[in-house]
Amino acid sequence: MEKKLIEDEIDALNASGKYDKPIAVQVVELTQFWNAEDYHQDYVTKNPNSSYVQNVCIKEVKHFQQKFPDLIKPEKFY
């Protein structure tokens, strides 16, 4: 299901004319995953006054929430 969503988004971006050349990316199954170190877990919650959180993270999450509301978990994030 996720692969289809990704491929549909790539197709939509290619059809949009937003880029001069087609998006060239290989969509492959995730085979290995490493958890981040403990100090990275819940970084935004633990570091709400960080300049990175204030100027980058929150803006990017809000933008994603607006664009893909159906992909966000129901709990509140800023």
PDB file of N, CA and C in Angstrom:
ATOM      1  N   MET A   1       0.825  -1.192   0.000  1.00  0.00           N
ATOM      2  CA  MET A   1       0.000   0.000   0.000  1.00  0.00           C
ATOM      3  C   MET A   1       0.873   1.262   0.000  1.00  0.00           C
ATOM      4  N   GLU A   2       1.918   1.278   0.840  1.00  0.00           N
ATOM      5  CA  GLU A   2       2.767   2.465   0.906  1.00  0.00           C
ATOM      6  C   GLU A   2       3.502   2.687  -0.405  1.00  0.00           C
ATOM      7  N   LYS A   3       3.944   1.597  -1.040  1.00  0.00           N
ATOM      8  CA  LYS A   3       4.652   1.729  -2.310  1.00  0.00           C
ATOM      9  C   LYS A   3       3.746   2.383  -3.354  1.00  0.00           C
ATOM     10  N   LYS A   4       2.494   1.988  -3.388  1.00  0.00           N
ATOM     11  CA  LYS A   4       1.535   2.566  -4.339  1.00  0.00           C
ATOM     12  C   LYS A   4       1.347   4.057  -4.059  1.00  0.00           C
ATOM     13  N   LEU A   5       1.232   4.440  -2.781  1.00  0.00           N
ATOM     14  CA  LEU A   5       1.095   5.859  -2.432  1.00  0.00           C
ATOM     15  C   LEU A   5       2.307   6.663  -2.905  1.00  0.00           C
ATOM     16  N   ILE A   6       3.487   6.101  -2.682  1.00  0.00           N
ATOM     17  CA  ILE A   6       4.720   6.782  -3.089  1.00  0.00           C
ATOM     18  C   ILE A   6       4.770   6.918  -4.604  1.00  0.00           C
ATOM     19  N   GLU A   7       4.486   5.839  -5.297  1.00  0.00           N
ATOM     20  CA  GLU A   7       4.527   5.872  -6.759  1.00  0.00           C
ATOM     21  C   GLU A   7       3.486   6.828  -7.330  1.00  0.00           C
ATOM     22  N   ASP A   8       2.295   6.875  -6.722  1.00  0.00           N
ATOM     23  CA  ASP A   8       1.261   7.821  -7.163  1.00  0.00           C
ATOM     24  C   ASP A   8       1.720   9.264  -6.958  1.00  0.00           C
ATOM     25  N   GLU A   9       2.376   9.534  -5.840  1.00  0.00           N
ATOM     26  CA  GLU A   9       2.867  10.889  -5.568  1.00  0.00           C
ATOM     27  C   GLU A   9       3.960  11.272  -6.558  1.00  0.00           C
ATOM     28  N   ILE A  10       4.844  10.348  -6.867  1.00  0.00           N
ATOM     29  CA  ILE A  10       5.902  10.609  -7.854  1.00  0.00           C
ATOM     30  C   ILE A  10       5.264  10.895  -9.212  1.00  0.00           C
ATOM     31  N   ASP A  11       4.287  10.090  -9.598  1.00  0.00           N
ATOM     32  CA  ASP A  11       3.586  10.313 -10.870  1.00  0.00           C
ATOM     33  C   ASP A  11       2.916  11.683 -10.901  1.00  0.00           C
ATOM     34  N   ALA A  12       2.273  12.058  -9.795  1.00  0.00           N
ATOM     35  CA  ALA A  12       1.599  13.364  -9.727  1.00  0.00           C
ATOM     36  C   ALA A  12       2.610  14.499  -9.833  1.00  0.00           C
ATOM     37  N   LEU A  13       3.742  14.370  -9.152  1.00  0.00           N
ATOM     38  CA  LEU A  13       4.771  15.406  -9.243  1.00  0.00           C
ATOM     39  C   LEU A  13       5.336  15.499 -10.653  1.00  0.00           C
ATOM     40  N   ASN A  14       5.571  14.357 -11.276  1.00  0.00           N
ATOM     41  CA  ASN A  14       6.079  14.377 -12.655  1.00  0.00           C
ATOM     42  C   ASN A  14       5.072  15.017 -13.604  1.00  0.00           C
ATOM     43  N   ALA A  15       3.795  14.755 -13.391  1.00  0.00           N
ATOM     44  CA  ALA A  15       2.747  15.321 -14.253  1.00  0.00           C
ATOM     45  C   ALA A  15       2.494  16.798 -13.972  1.00  0.00           C
ATOM     46  N   SER A  16       2.892  17.263 -12.798  1.00  0.00           N
ATOM     47  CA  SER A  16       2.604  18.645 -12.403  1.00  0.00           C
ATOM     48  C   SER A  16       3.422  19.687 -13.161  1.00  0.00           C
ATOM     49  N   GLY A  17       4.551  19.273 -13.725  1.00  0.00           N
ATOM     50  CA  GLY A  17       5.421  20.232 -14.391  1.00  0.00           C
ATOM     51  C   GLY A  17       6.255  21.050 -13.429  1.00  0.00           C
ATOM     52  N   LYS A  18       6.234  20.686 -12.170  1.00  0.00           N
ATOM     53  CA  LYS A  18       6.976  21.436 -11.155  1.00  0.00           C
ATOM     54  C   LYS A  18       8.483  21.324 -11.373  1.00  0.00           C
ATOM     55  N   TYR A  19       8.925  20.210 -11.911  1.00  0.00           N
ATOM     56  CA  TYR A  19      10.354  19.982 -12.113  1.00  0.00           C
ATOM     57  C   TYR A  19      10.666  19.869 -13.603  1.00  0.00           C
ATOM     58  N   ASP A  20      11.870  20.289 -13.972  1.00  0.00           N
ATOM     59  CA  ASP A  20      12.283  20.249 -15.376  1.00  0.00           C
ATOM     60  C   ASP A  20      12.506  18.833 -15.888  1.00  0.00           C
ATOM     61  N   LYS A  21      12.913  17.950 -14.994  1.00  0.00           N
ATOM     62  CA  LYS A  21      13.191  16.571 -15.373  1.00  0.00           C
ATOM     63  C   LYS A  21      12.363  15.637 -14.493  1.00  0.00           C
ATOM     64  N   PRO A  22      12.100  14.436 -14.981  1.00  0.00           N
ATOM     65  CA  PRO A  22      11.338  13.475 -14.166  1.00  0.00           C
ATOM     66  C   PRO A  22      12.087  13.128 -12.879  1.00  0.00           C
ATOM     67  N   ILE A  23      11.332  12.842 -11.847  1.00  0.00           N
ATOM     68  CA  ILE A  23      11.916  12.416 -10.587  1.00  0.00           C
ATOM     69  C   ILE A  23      12.524  11.032 -10.804  1.00  0.00           C
ATOM     70  N   ALA A  24      13.780  10.878 -10.414  1.00  0.00           N
ATOM     71  CA  ALA A  24      14.491   9.612 -10.585  1.00  0.00           C
ATOM     72  C   ALA A  24      14.797   9.056  -9.208  1.00  0.00           C
ATOM     73  N   VAL A  25      14.000   8.097  -8.788  1.00  0.00           N
ATOM     74  CA  VAL A  25      14.181   7.503  -7.470  1.00  0.00           C
ATOM     75  C   VAL A  25      13.759   6.040  -7.533  1.00  0.00           C
ATOM     76  N   GLN A  26      14.428   5.227  -6.757  1.00  0.00           N
ATOM     77  CA  GLN A  26      14.071   3.811  -6.675  1.00  0.00           C
ATOM     78  C   GLN A  26      13.323   3.590  -5.372  1.00  0.00           C
ATOM     79  N   VAL A  27      12.137   3.035  -5.454  1.00  0.00           N
ATOM     80  CA  VAL A  27      11.328   2.743  -4.267  1.00  0.00           C
ATOM     81  C   VAL A  27      11.532   1.264  -3.932  1.00  0.00           C
ATOM     82  N   VAL A  28      12.179   1.025  -2.781  1.00  0.00           N
ATOM     83  CA  VAL A  28      12.480  -0.347  -2.395  1.00  0.00           C
ATOM     84  C   VAL A  28      11.959  -0.616  -0.986  1.00  0.00           C
ATOM     85  N   GLU A  29      11.785  -1.885  -0.677  1.00  0.00           N
ATOM     86  CA  GLU A  29      11.314  -2.290   0.639  1.00  0.00           C
ATOM     87  C   GLU A  29      12.387  -2.011   1.692  1.00  0.00           C
ATOM     88  N   LEU A  30      11.952  -1.514   2.843  1.00  0.00           N
ATOM     89  CA  LEU A  30      12.856  -1.301   3.964  1.00  0.00           C
ATOM     90  C   LEU A  30      13.274  -2.664   4.505  1.00  0.00           C
ATOM     91  N   THR A  31      14.585  -2.894   4.571  1.00  0.00           N
ATOM     92  CA  THR A  31      15.061  -4.203   5.032  1.00  0.00           C
ATOM     93  C   THR A  31      15.731  -4.142   6.392  1.00  0.00           C
ATOM     94  N   GLN A  32      16.174  -2.958   6.796  1.00  0.00           N
ATOM     95  CA  GLN A  32      16.830  -2.831   8.089  1.00  0.00           C
ATOM     96  C   GLN A  32      16.524  -1.453   8.656  1.00  0.00           C
ATOM     97  N   PHE A  33      16.350  -1.404   9.964  1.00  0.00           N
ATOM     98  CA  PHE A  33      16.020  -0.140  10.623  1.00  0.00           C
ATOM     99  C   PHE A  33      16.750  -0.080  11.951  1.00  0.00           C
ATOM    100  N   TRP A  34      17.320   1.076  12.252  1.00  0.00           N
ATOM    101  CA  TRP A  34      17.985   1.285  13.529  1.00  0.00           C
ATOM    102  C   TRP A  34      17.255   2.379  14.294  1.00  0.00           C
ATOM    103  N   ASN A  35      16.972   2.136  15.557  1.00  0.00           N
ATOM    104  CA  ASN A  35      16.399   3.185  16.394  1.00  0.00           C
ATOM    105  C   ASN A  35      17.468   4.227  16.674  1.00  0.00           C
ATOM    106  N   ALA A  36      17.059   5.464  16.731  1.00  0.00           N
ATOM    107  CA  ALA A  36      17.980   6.542  17.081  1.00  0.00           C
ATOM    108  C   ALA A  36      18.353   6.425  18.555  1.00  0.00           C
ATOM    109  N   GLU A  37      19.438   7.083  18.917  1.00  0.00           N
ATOM    110  CA  GLU A  37      19.859   7.094  20.310  1.00  0.00           C
ATOM    111  C   GLU A  37      18.775   7.740  21.164  1.00  0.00           C
ATOM    112  N   ASP A  38      18.782   7.429  22.466  1.00  0.00           N
ATOM    113  CA  ASP A  38      17.752   7.918  23.382  1.00  0.00           C
ATOM    114  C   ASP A  38      17.604   9.436  23.347  1.00  0.00           C
ATOM    115  N   TYR A  39      18.718  10.162  23.241  1.00  0.00           N
ATOM    116  CA  TYR A  39      18.604  11.619  23.269  1.00  0.00           C
ATOM    117  C   TYR A  39      17.923  12.188  22.023  1.00  0.00           C
ATOM    118  N   HIS A  40      17.775  11.366  20.982  1.00  0.00           N
ATOM    119  CA  HIS A  40      17.038  11.801  19.794  1.00  0.00           C
ATOM    120  C   HIS A  40      15.545  11.476  19.895  1.00  0.00           C
ATOM    121  N   GLN A  41      15.179  10.541  20.757  1.00  0.00           N
ATOM    122  CA  GLN A  41      13.785  10.137  20.875  1.00  0.00           C
ATOM    123  C   GLN A  41      12.967  11.283  21.467  1.00  0.00           C
ATOM    124  N   ASP A  42      11.820  11.562  20.884  1.00  0.00           N
ATOM    125  CA  ASP A  42      10.930  12.640  21.345  1.00  0.00           C
ATOM    126  C   ASP A  42      11.673  13.969  21.453  1.00  0.00           C
ATOM    127  N   TYR A  43      12.526  14.244  20.486  1.00  0.00           N
ATOM    128  CA  TYR A  43      13.396  15.422  20.529  1.00  0.00           C
ATOM    129  C   TYR A  43      12.600  16.721  20.650  1.00  0.00           C
ATOM    130  N   VAL A  44      11.537  16.843  19.877  1.00  0.00           N
ATOM    131  CA  VAL A  44      10.746  18.077  19.896  1.00  0.00           C
ATOM    132  C   VAL A  44      10.108  18.288  21.260  1.00  0.00           C
ATOM    133  N   THR A  45       9.573  17.225  21.836  1.00  0.00           N
ATOM    134  CA  THR A  45       8.952  17.321  23.154  1.00  0.00           C
ATOM    135  C   THR A  45       9.974  17.681  24.227  1.00  0.00           C
ATOM    136  N   LYS A  46      11.149  17.091  24.138  1.00  0.00           N
ATOM    137  CA  LYS A  46      12.192  17.324  25.141  1.00  0.00           C
ATOM    138  C   LYS A  46      12.934  18.647  24.951  1.00  0.00           C
ATOM    139  N   ASN A  47      12.891  19.203  23.741  1.00  0.00           N
ATOM    140  CA  ASN A  47      13.647  20.420  23.425  1.00  0.00           C
ATOM    141  C   ASN A  47      12.773  21.464  22.729  1.00  0.00           C
ATOM    142  N   PRO A  48      11.637  21.822  23.319  1.00  0.00           N
ATOM    143  CA  PRO A  48      10.691  22.717  22.624  1.00  0.00           C
ATOM    144  C   PRO A  48      11.244  24.111  22.339  1.00  0.00           C
ATOM    145  N   ASN A  49      12.246  24.562  23.080  1.00  0.00           N
ATOM    146  CA  ASN A  49      12.797  25.906  22.867  1.00  0.00           C
ATOM    147  C   ASN A  49      14.032  25.917  21.989  1.00  0.00           C
ATOM    148  N   SER A  50      14.420  24.767  21.484  1.00  0.00           N
ATOM    149  CA  SER A  50      15.565  24.695  20.576  1.00  0.00           C
ATOM    150  C   SER A  50      15.272  25.525  19.336  1.00  0.00           C
ATOM    151  N   SER A  51      16.261  26.260  18.860  1.00  0.00           N
ATOM    152  CA  SER A  51      16.047  27.078  17.657  1.00  0.00           C
ATOM    153  C   SER A  51      15.709  26.199  16.460  1.00  0.00           C
ATOM    154  N   TYR A  52      16.287  25.016  16.388  1.00  0.00           N
ATOM    155  CA  TYR A  52      15.970  24.102  15.294  1.00  0.00           C
ATOM    156  C   TYR A  52      14.508  23.670  15.360  1.00  0.00           C
ATOM    157  N   VAL A  53      14.044  23.350  16.544  1.00  0.00           N
ATOM    158  CA  VAL A  53      12.639  22.943  16.708  1.00  0.00           C
ATOM    159  C   VAL A  53      11.723  24.100  16.329  1.00  0.00           C
ATOM    160  N   GLN A  54      12.002  25.280  16.844  1.00  0.00           N
ATOM    161  CA  GLN A  54      11.152  26.448  16.607  1.00  0.00           C
ATOM    162  C   GLN A  54      11.144  26.888  15.140  1.00  0.00           C
ATOM    163  N   ASN A  55      12.305  26.840  14.488  1.00  0.00           N
ATOM    164  CA  ASN A  55      12.421  27.401  13.138  1.00  0.00           C
ATOM    165  C   ASN A  55      12.316  26.387  12.010  1.00  0.00           C
ATOM    166  N   VAL A  56      12.465  25.123  12.326  1.00  0.00           N
ATOM    167  CA  VAL A  56      12.445  24.115  11.264  1.00  0.00           C
ATOM    168  C   VAL A  56      11.393  23.036  11.520  1.00  0.00           C
ATOM    169  N   CYS A  57      11.541  22.312  12.609  1.00  0.00           N
ATOM    170  CA  CYS A  57      10.683  21.137  12.850  1.00  0.00           C
ATOM    171  C   CYS A  57       9.195  21.466  12.846  1.00  0.00           C
ATOM    172  N   ILE A  58       8.814  22.418  13.647  1.00  0.00           N
ATOM    173  CA  ILE A  58       7.387  22.722  13.792  1.00  0.00           C
ATOM    174  C   ILE A  58       6.799  23.183  12.467  1.00  0.00           C
ATOM    175  N   LYS A  59       7.520  24.028  11.744  1.00  0.00           N
ATOM    176  CA  LYS A  59       7.023  24.505  10.441  1.00  0.00           C
ATOM    177  C   LYS A  59       6.863  23.351   9.458  1.00  0.00           C
ATOM    178  N   GLU A  60       7.830  22.445   9.427  1.00  0.00           N
ATOM    179  CA  GLU A  60       7.752  21.330   8.493  1.00  0.00           C
ATOM    180  C   GLU A  60       6.613  20.377   8.849  1.00  0.00           C
ATOM    181  N   VAL A  61       6.422  20.117  10.124  1.00  0.00           N
ATOM    182  CA  VAL A  61       5.329  19.224  10.534  1.00  0.00           C
ATOM    183  C   VAL A  61       3.984  19.858  10.221  1.00  0.00           C
ATOM    184  N   LYS A  62       3.822  21.141  10.498  1.00  0.00           N
ATOM    185  CA  LYS A  62       2.551  21.819  10.194  1.00  0.00           C
ATOM    186  C   LYS A  62       2.258  21.789   8.697  1.00  0.00           C
ATOM    187  N   HIS A  63       3.296  22.006   7.894  1.00  0.00           N
ATOM    188  CA  HIS A  63       3.118  21.953   6.439  1.00  0.00           C
ATOM    189  C   HIS A  63       2.683  20.553   6.010  1.00  0.00           C
ATOM    190  N   PHE A  64       3.314  19.528   6.565  1.00  0.00           N
ATOM    191  CA  PHE A  64       2.956  18.149   6.242  1.00  0.00           C
ATOM    192  C   PHE A  64       1.536  17.838   6.690  1.00  0.00           C
ATOM    193  N   GLN A  65       1.159  18.313   7.892  1.00  0.00           N
ATOM    194  CA  GLN A  65      -0.194  18.089   8.401  1.00  0.00           C
ATOM    195  C   GLN A  65      -1.233  18.689   7.461  1.00  0.00           C
ATOM    196  N   GLN A  66      -0.952  19.865   6.926  1.00  0.00           N
ATOM    197  CA  GLN A  66      -1.907  20.510   6.023  1.00  0.00           C
ATOM    198  C   GLN A  66      -2.004  19.771   4.694  1.00  0.00           C
ATOM    199  N   LYS A  67      -0.873  19.291   4.210  1.00  0.00           N
ATOM    200  CA  LYS A  67      -0.858  18.635   2.904  1.00  0.00           C
ATOM    201  C   LYS A  67      -1.388  17.204   2.969  1.00  0.00           C
ATOM    202  N   PHE A  68      -1.104  16.498   4.072  1.00  0.00           N
ATOM    203  CA  PHE A  68      -1.490  15.093   4.198  1.00  0.00           C
ATOM    204  C   PHE A  68      -2.194  14.824   5.526  1.00  0.00           C
ATOM    205  N   PRO A  69      -3.343  15.440   5.775  1.00  0.00           N
ATOM    206  CA  PRO A  69      -4.006  15.270   7.073  1.00  0.00           C
ATOM    207  C   PRO A  69      -4.396  13.820   7.370  1.00  0.00           C
ATOM    208  N   ASP A  70      -4.651  13.049   6.343  1.00  0.00           N
ATOM    209  CA  ASP A  70      -5.055  11.658   6.560  1.00  0.00           C
ATOM    210  C   ASP A  70      -3.888  10.755   6.952  1.00  0.00           C
ATOM    211  N   LEU A  71      -2.655  11.251   6.862  1.00  0.00           N
ATOM    212  CA  LEU A  71      -1.487  10.447   7.221  1.00  0.00           C
ATOM    213  C   LEU A  71      -0.959  10.748   8.619  1.00  0.00           C
ATOM    214  N   ILE A  72      -1.566  11.702   9.309  1.00  0.00           N
ATOM    215  CA  ILE A  72      -1.094  12.105  10.629  1.00  0.00           C
ATOM    216  C   ILE A  72      -1.897  11.381  11.714  1.00  0.00           C
ATOM    217  N   LYS A  73      -1.203  10.907  12.719  1.00  0.00           N
ATOM    218  CA  LYS A  73      -1.875  10.271  13.847  1.00  0.00           C
ATOM    219  C   LYS A  73      -2.741  11.318  14.551  1.00  0.00           C
ATOM    220  N   PRO A  74      -3.826  10.894  15.176  1.00  0.00           N
ATOM    221  CA  PRO A  74      -4.767  11.851  15.755  1.00  0.00           C
ATOM    222  C   PRO A  74      -4.237  12.669  16.932  1.00  0.00           C
ATOM    223  N   GLU A  75      -3.183  12.244  17.616  1.00  0.00           N
ATOM    224  CA  GLU A  75      -2.715  13.033  18.756  1.00  0.00           C
ATOM    225  C   GLU A  75      -2.172  14.384  18.290  1.00  0.00           C
ATOM    226  N   LYS A  76      -2.276  15.349  19.130  1.00  0.00           N
ATOM    227  CA  LYS A  76      -1.898  16.731  18.800  1.00  0.00           C
ATOM    228  C   LYS A  76      -0.381  16.875  18.706  1.00  0.00           C
ATOM    229  N   PHE A  77       0.050  17.620  17.726  1.00  0.00           N
ATOM    230  CA  PHE A  77       1.455  17.987  17.582  1.00  0.00           C
ATOM    231  C   PHE A  77       1.501  19.472  17.270  1.00  0.00           C
ATOM    232  N   TYR A  78       1.696  20.266  18.248  1.00  0.00           N
ATOM    233  CA  TYR A  78       1.772  21.725  18.132  1.00  0.00           C
ATOM    234  C   TYR A  78       0.582  22.247  17.376  1.00  0.00           C
TER     235      TYR A  78
END
